Amino acid sequence: MAVRDNCKKPFGITPAAMTIWDSCGEYDAAKEEKYLTWLLDNGAHSISFCGSTGENKAMNAEQHKQIIDHVTSFIGGEVPLICGTGFYNTKDTIAMSKYADEHGVDGVMCILPYYFTPYNEAVMRHYREISKNISCRLMVYNNPHFTGVELSPQEVKQLVDEGAVQDIKAAHGDPNRVHELKYHCGDKLQVMYGHDYAAPEGILAGADGWLSGFPAVLPKQCRAIWDAASEKDVDGAFKAQANIQDYIDYFFHDKVNGYPHWLEICHYTLVAQGVDAGIARLPLAELSDEHKKKVEKLLAEMD
């Protein structure tokens, strides 16, 4: 199916927006609106929601649709809007993608089929079938960390040349993924750097945007990295990166037996900045006082 003419391309700082839950673990629409407004006020160019950082695997289909209804009505075409709609099976992915499409998103982001680690031709068939059923943009969420599967640049190019795919979130973290995808696909594919620790390199390699968790919790600081790197100001980009490097080190390495979880850190990073973001859904929980103090100290040391 051809992409609608009014679908905006995702670009620039694209927070993988968090989902705000109330004290009972239900969706808090009022707090979500305040949070989304905060993201836009602090430099977001586009918005992604109901992705991994939005805890899409912690919600059922009706809750997923509730959030789609609300966010699409609230954003109202203000910026490019991308909705995570991926499930393992193609039928459910198509159904949620069609629902988001009908509610006006500019694109859907579909993670590669996960858990059963299907072979790559099956993954490509998955995207072809989704594409046939929607009129918005289709983003491949190429995340081998979560799925155990990854499409190569050549396989992505095949889908792009067929007209099945327009966007990709390259979530491996290696900036070379961006370099290869832009080299092989050029302007036919919007390539979003999709990790948190090497964004300057990914942007300098030609990424059209940065779609990940850090832009959802540190939008101002991430915008500074984007602005410098997209202007090829290498020294400025690395200076902006250094501003958050201690937070990166903490986020990825300060753990004992996997604790604290990155979603728990993300929620409290917002809370510590005055955003009423609550906590992640069970089985995750609230940060300990020790880790709250670490986050607060790291934020206080940033520009």
Protein backbone atom coordinates (compact mmCIF):
# COMPACT_ATOMS: atom_id res chain seq x y z
CA MET A 1 0.00 0.00 0.00
CA ALA A 2 1.35 3.45 -0.89
CA VAL A 3 2.34 5.80 1.92
CA ARG A 4 -0.02 8.74 2.49
CA ASP A 5 1.34 12.07 1.27
CA ASN A 6 0.72 13.72 4.64
CA CYS A 7 2.98 11.37 6.59
CA LYS A 8 5.91 13.27 8.09
CA LYS A 9 9.40 11.79 8.16
CA PRO A 10 10.83 11.23 11.65
CA PHE A 11 13.99 13.25 12.17
CA GLY A 12 16.30 14.74 14.73
CA ILE A 13 15.90 14.19 18.46
CA THR A 14 13.15 11.58 18.72
CA PRO A 15 12.47 10.52 22.30
CA ALA A 16 11.33 6.94 22.80
CA ALA A 17 8.72 8.41 25.11
CA MET A 18 7.97 6.74 28.41
CA THR A 19 4.47 5.72 29.45
CA ILE A 20 3.35 7.32 32.69
CA TRP A 21 1.43 5.04 35.04
CA ASP A 22 -0.58 6.13 38.07
CA SER A 23 -0.17 4.66 41.57
CA CYS A 24 -2.39 1.72 40.57
CA GLY A 25 -0.35 0.96 37.46
CA GLU A 26 -2.93 2.37 35.02
CA TYR A 27 -2.28 4.88 32.24
CA ASP A 28 -2.18 8.48 33.47
CA ALA A 29 -3.21 10.62 30.51
CA ALA A 30 -2.86 13.97 32.27
CA LYS A 31 0.70 13.27 33.40
CA GLU A 32 1.57 11.89 29.97
CA GLU A 33 0.47 15.18 28.39
CA LYS A 34 2.67 17.19 30.75
CA TYR A 35 5.58 14.87 29.98
CA LEU A 36 5.16 15.06 26.20
CA THR A 37 4.94 18.84 26.43
CA TRP A 38 8.17 18.84 28.47
CA LEU A 39 9.90 16.79 25.77
CA LEU A 40 8.84 19.20 23.04
CA ASP A 41 9.75 22.24 25.13
CA ASN A 42 13.22 20.75 25.69
CA GLY A 43 14.11 20.18 22.07
CA ALA A 44 12.41 17.07 20.67
CA HIS A 45 11.90 17.19 16.90
CA SER A 46 9.73 14.05 16.66
CA ILE A 47 8.04 11.71 19.13
CA SER A 48 8.03 7.92 19.32
CA PHE A 49 5.69 6.21 21.78
CA CYS A 50 4.61 2.72 22.81
CA GLY A 51 8.09 1.41 22.14
CA SER A 52 10.46 -0.41 24.48
CA THR A 53 11.07 2.59 26.71
CA GLY A 54 7.29 3.09 26.70
CA GLU A 55 6.91 -0.40 28.21
CA ASN A 56 4.78 -1.73 25.35
CA LYS A 57 5.41 -5.30 26.47
CA ALA A 58 3.92 -4.43 29.86
CA MET A 59 0.54 -3.43 28.40
CA ASN A 60 -2.29 -5.42 26.84
CA ALA A 61 -3.89 -4.63 23.48
CA GLU A 62 -6.71 -2.51 24.91
CA GLN A 63 -4.28 -0.39 26.93
CA HIS A 64 -2.09 -0.06 23.85
CA LYS A 65 -5.06 1.26 21.88
CA GLN A 66 -6.05 3.60 24.71
CA ILE A 67 -2.60 5.19 24.60
CA ILE A 68 -2.69 5.45 20.80
CA ASP A 69 -6.07 7.19 21.01
CA HIS A 70 -4.79 9.68 23.56
CA VAL A 71 -1.33 10.50 22.21
CA THR A 72 -2.49 10.94 18.62
CA SER A 73 -5.29 13.28 19.71
CA PHE A 74 -2.94 15.25 21.98
CA ILE A 75 -0.01 15.65 19.56
CA GLY A 76 -2.41 16.39 16.69
CA GLY A 77 0.13 16.58 13.88
CA GLU A 78 2.41 19.00 15.76
CA VAL A 79 5.52 16.87 15.11
CA PRO A 80 6.24 13.55 13.35
CA LEU A 81 4.68 10.80 15.45
CA ILE A 82 5.85 7.19 15.41
CA CYS A 83 4.03 4.42 17.28
CA GLY A 84 5.48 1.08 18.35
CA THR A 85 3.12 -1.67 17.19
CA GLY A 86 5.26 -4.78 16.97
CA PHE A 87 4.34 -8.24 18.22
CA TYR A 88 5.92 -11.60 17.47
CA ASN A 89 3.14 -12.69 15.14
CA THR A 90 2.37 -10.85 11.94
CA LYS A 91 -1.43 -10.87 12.34
CA ASP A 92 -1.40 -8.98 15.65
CA THR A 93 1.27 -6.61 14.38
CA ILE A 94 -0.85 -5.77 11.35
CA ALA A 95 -3.94 -5.23 13.50
CA MET A 96 -2.20 -2.79 15.87
CA SER A 97 -0.40 -1.08 13.01
CA LYS A 98 -3.67 -0.53 11.15
CA TYR A 99 -5.22 0.86 14.33
CA ALA A 100 -2.39 3.36 14.77
CA ASP A 101 -2.48 4.23 11.07
CA GLU A 102 -6.22 4.91 11.20
CA HIS A 103 -5.66 7.22 14.18
CA GLY A 104 -3.22 9.39 12.27
CA VAL A 105 0.33 8.40 13.19
CA ASP A 106 2.98 9.23 10.64
CA GLY A 107 4.59 5.84 11.00
CA VAL A 108 4.65 2.59 12.91
CA MET A 109 7.78 1.07 14.42
CA CYS A 110 7.74 -2.72 14.36
CA ILE A 111 10.34 -4.71 16.23
CA LEU A 112 11.66 -7.82 14.51
CA PRO A 113 9.72 -10.95 15.48
CA TYR A 114 11.29 -12.04 18.76
CA TYR A 115 11.59 -15.00 21.14
CA PHE A 116 11.49 -17.74 18.47
CA THR A 117 14.34 -16.04 16.52
CA PRO A 118 12.90 -16.68 13.04
CA TYR A 119 15.21 -16.87 10.03
CA ASN A 120 15.75 -13.62 8.15
CA GLU A 121 13.56 -14.40 5.14
CA ALA A 122 10.65 -14.95 7.53
CA VAL A 123 11.42 -11.57 9.14
CA MET A 124 11.38 -9.90 5.74
CA ARG A 125 8.06 -11.59 4.94
CA HIS A 126 6.72 -10.12 8.20
CA TYR A 127 7.52 -6.56 7.06
CA ARG A 128 6.19 -7.10 3.57
CA GLU A 129 2.84 -8.23 4.96
CA ILE A 130 2.63 -5.26 7.35
CA SER A 131 3.40 -2.86 4.52
CA LYS A 132 0.55 -4.22 2.41
CA ASN A 133 -1.95 -3.30 5.11
CA ILE A 134 -1.03 0.25 6.17
CA SER A 135 -0.87 3.67 4.54
CA CYS A 136 1.66 5.24 6.94
CA ARG A 137 5.42 4.86 7.08
CA LEU A 138 6.93 1.57 8.26
CA MET A 139 10.01 1.56 10.49
CA VAL A 140 12.10 -1.54 11.03
CA TYR A 141 13.14 -1.73 14.68
CA ASN A 142 16.42 -3.56 14.14
CA ASN A 143 17.25 -4.55 17.73
CA PRO A 144 19.27 -7.77 18.04
CA HIS A 145 19.69 -7.20 21.80
CA PHE A 146 15.97 -7.77 22.35
CA THR A 147 15.18 -10.16 19.51
CA GLY A 148 18.27 -12.21 18.77
CA VAL A 149 17.76 -11.38 15.07
CA GLU A 150 19.04 -8.56 12.88
CA LEU A 151 18.49 -7.67 9.23
CA SER A 152 21.63 -6.84 7.30
CA PRO A 153 21.94 -3.55 5.37
CA GLN A 154 21.52 -5.51 2.15
CA GLU A 155 18.28 -7.10 3.39
CA VAL A 156 16.99 -3.72 4.53
CA LYS A 157 17.88 -2.27 1.13
CA GLN A 158 15.83 -4.98 -0.54
CA LEU A 159 12.77 -4.00 1.51
CA VAL A 160 13.41 -0.32 0.79
CA ASP A 161 13.75 -0.92 -2.95
CA GLU A 162 10.47 -2.84 -2.88
CA GLY A 163 8.79 0.15 -1.21
CA ALA A 164 7.91 -1.87 1.88
CA VAL A 165 10.02 0.09 4.38
CA GLN A 166 10.80 3.81 4.71
CA ASP A 167 12.50 4.10 8.11
CA ILE A 168 14.76 2.13 10.42
CA LYS A 169 15.82 2.34 14.05
CA ALA A 170 19.35 0.93 14.11
CA ALA A 171 19.45 -0.12 17.75
CA HIS A 172 22.59 -2.25 17.81
CA GLY A 173 24.67 0.72 18.92
CA ASP A 174 27.47 0.40 16.38
CA PRO A 175 27.59 3.63 14.33
CA ASN A 176 28.81 1.58 11.37
CA ARG A 177 25.22 0.33 11.05
CA VAL A 178 24.25 3.90 10.22
CA HIS A 179 27.15 4.33 7.79
CA GLU A 180 26.29 1.14 5.89
CA LEU A 181 22.55 1.82 5.74
CA LYS A 182 23.02 5.37 4.44
CA TYR A 183 25.61 4.19 1.93
CA HIS A 184 23.38 1.46 0.53
CA CYS A 185 19.98 3.15 0.82
CA GLY A 186 20.72 6.87 0.67
CA ASP A 187 17.78 9.24 0.99
CA LYS A 188 15.28 6.44 0.34
CA LEU A 189 15.62 5.43 4.00
CA GLN A 190 15.41 7.56 7.15
CA VAL A 191 18.03 6.06 9.45
CA MET A 192 17.60 6.70 13.17
CA TYR A 193 20.53 5.98 15.46
CA GLY A 194 18.85 3.81 18.07
CA HIS A 195 21.15 3.45 21.07
CA ASP A 196 22.43 5.69 23.85
CA TYR A 197 26.21 5.54 24.10
CA ALA A 198 27.65 6.58 20.72
CA ALA A 199 25.18 9.11 19.35
CA PRO A 200 27.78 11.65 18.13
CA GLU A 201 29.43 8.98 16.00
CA GLY A 202 26.07 7.76 14.70
CA ILE A 203 24.97 11.27 13.75
CA LEU A 204 28.33 12.07 12.15
CA ALA A 205 27.97 8.83 10.17
CA GLY A 206 24.83 10.30 8.61
CA ALA A 207 21.90 9.40 10.87
CA ASP A 208 18.73 11.33 10.11
CA GLY A 209 17.76 11.26 13.77
CA TRP A 210 18.39 9.83 17.22
CA LEU A 211 15.57 7.62 18.51
CA SER A 212 16.28 6.08 21.89
CA GLY A 213 15.77 6.25 25.63
CA PHE A 214 18.20 9.05 26.51
CA PRO A 215 16.35 11.63 24.39
CA ALA A 216 13.27 10.65 26.44
CA VAL A 217 14.90 11.50 29.77
CA LEU A 218 17.66 13.98 28.84
CA PRO A 219 16.15 15.79 25.85
CA LYS A 220 18.00 19.09 26.35
CA GLN A 221 21.40 17.42 26.66
CA CYS A 222 20.70 15.11 23.71
CA ARG A 223 19.57 18.06 21.61
CA ALA A 224 22.95 19.71 22.27
CA ILE A 225 24.71 16.60 20.94
CA TRP A 226 22.41 16.53 17.90
CA ASP A 227 22.84 20.22 17.09
CA ALA A 228 26.63 20.03 17.17
CA ALA A 229 27.03 16.68 15.39
CA SER A 230 24.49 17.45 12.66
CA GLU A 231 26.45 20.63 11.90
CA LYS A 232 29.66 18.54 11.75
CA ASP A 233 31.02 20.36 14.80
CA VAL A 234 33.03 17.41 16.03
CA ASP A 235 34.59 19.15 19.03
CA GLY A 236 31.21 20.52 20.08
CA ALA A 237 29.56 17.12 19.72
CA PHE A 238 32.15 15.39 21.89
CA LYS A 239 31.98 18.17 24.45
CA ALA A 240 28.20 17.69 24.64
CA GLN A 241 28.76 13.93 24.91
CA ALA A 242 31.20 14.44 27.77
CA ASN A 243 28.44 16.32 29.59
CA ILE A 244 26.47 13.07 29.94
CA GLN A 245 29.31 10.52 29.94
CA ASP A 246 29.22 9.89 33.69
CA TYR A 247 25.48 9.23 33.42
CA ILE A 248 26.13 6.81 30.53
CA ASP A 249 28.72 4.98 32.62
CA TYR A 250 26.31 4.70 35.53
CA PHE A 251 23.36 3.70 33.35
CA PHE A 252 25.15 0.80 31.66
CA HIS A 253 27.68 -0.38 34.22
CA ASP A 254 26.70 0.41 37.83
CA LYS A 255 24.71 -2.78 38.43
CA VAL A 256 24.69 -5.79 40.72
CA ASN A 257 22.93 -8.86 39.30
CA GLY A 258 21.19 -6.65 36.75
CA TYR A 259 19.90 -4.11 39.29
CA PRO A 260 18.92 -1.36 38.79
CA HIS A 261 17.01 -1.94 35.56
CA TRP A 262 17.32 0.73 32.88
CA LEU A 263 13.57 1.43 32.95
CA GLU A 264 13.73 2.09 36.68
CA ILE A 265 16.59 4.52 36.11
CA CYS A 266 14.71 6.26 33.30
CA HIS A 267 11.60 6.83 35.39
CA TYR A 268 13.55 8.29 38.27
CA THR A 269 15.69 10.45 35.97
CA LEU A 270 12.46 12.19 34.99
CA VAL A 271 11.21 12.43 38.57
CA ALA A 272 14.50 14.00 39.67
CA GLN A 273 13.99 16.70 37.02
CA GLY A 274 10.50 17.52 38.26
CA VAL A 275 8.54 15.39 35.80
CA ASP A 276 5.91 13.35 37.64
CA ALA A 277 6.73 10.08 35.90
CA GLY A 278 5.95 7.58 38.66
CA ILE A 279 7.59 4.17 38.41
CA ALA A 280 7.72 1.31 35.94
CA ARG A 281 5.06 -1.38 35.97
CA LEU A 282 5.56 -4.56 37.94
CA PRO A 283 7.63 -6.69 38.01
CA LEU A 284 9.96 -3.66 37.96
CA ALA A 285 9.78 -1.24 40.85
CA GLU A 286 11.19 1.95 42.35
CA LEU A 287 14.87 2.78 42.65
CA SER A 288 16.48 2.40 46.05
CA ASP A 289 17.39 5.58 47.94
CA GLU A 290 21.06 4.87 47.20
CA HIS A 291 20.49 4.87 43.46
CA LYS A 292 18.16 7.86 43.61
CA LYS A 293 20.99 9.84 45.17
CA LYS A 294 23.37 8.68 42.44
CA VAL A 295 20.99 9.86 39.72
CA GLU A 296 20.44 13.19 41.47
CA LYS A 297 24.19 13.76 41.77
CA LEU A 298 24.77 12.94 38.10
CA LEU A 299 22.04 15.31 36.98
CA ALA A 300 23.35 18.09 39.23
CA GLU A 301 26.77 17.78 37.57
CA MET A 302 25.36 18.20 34.02
CA ASP A 303 25.04 21.49 32.19
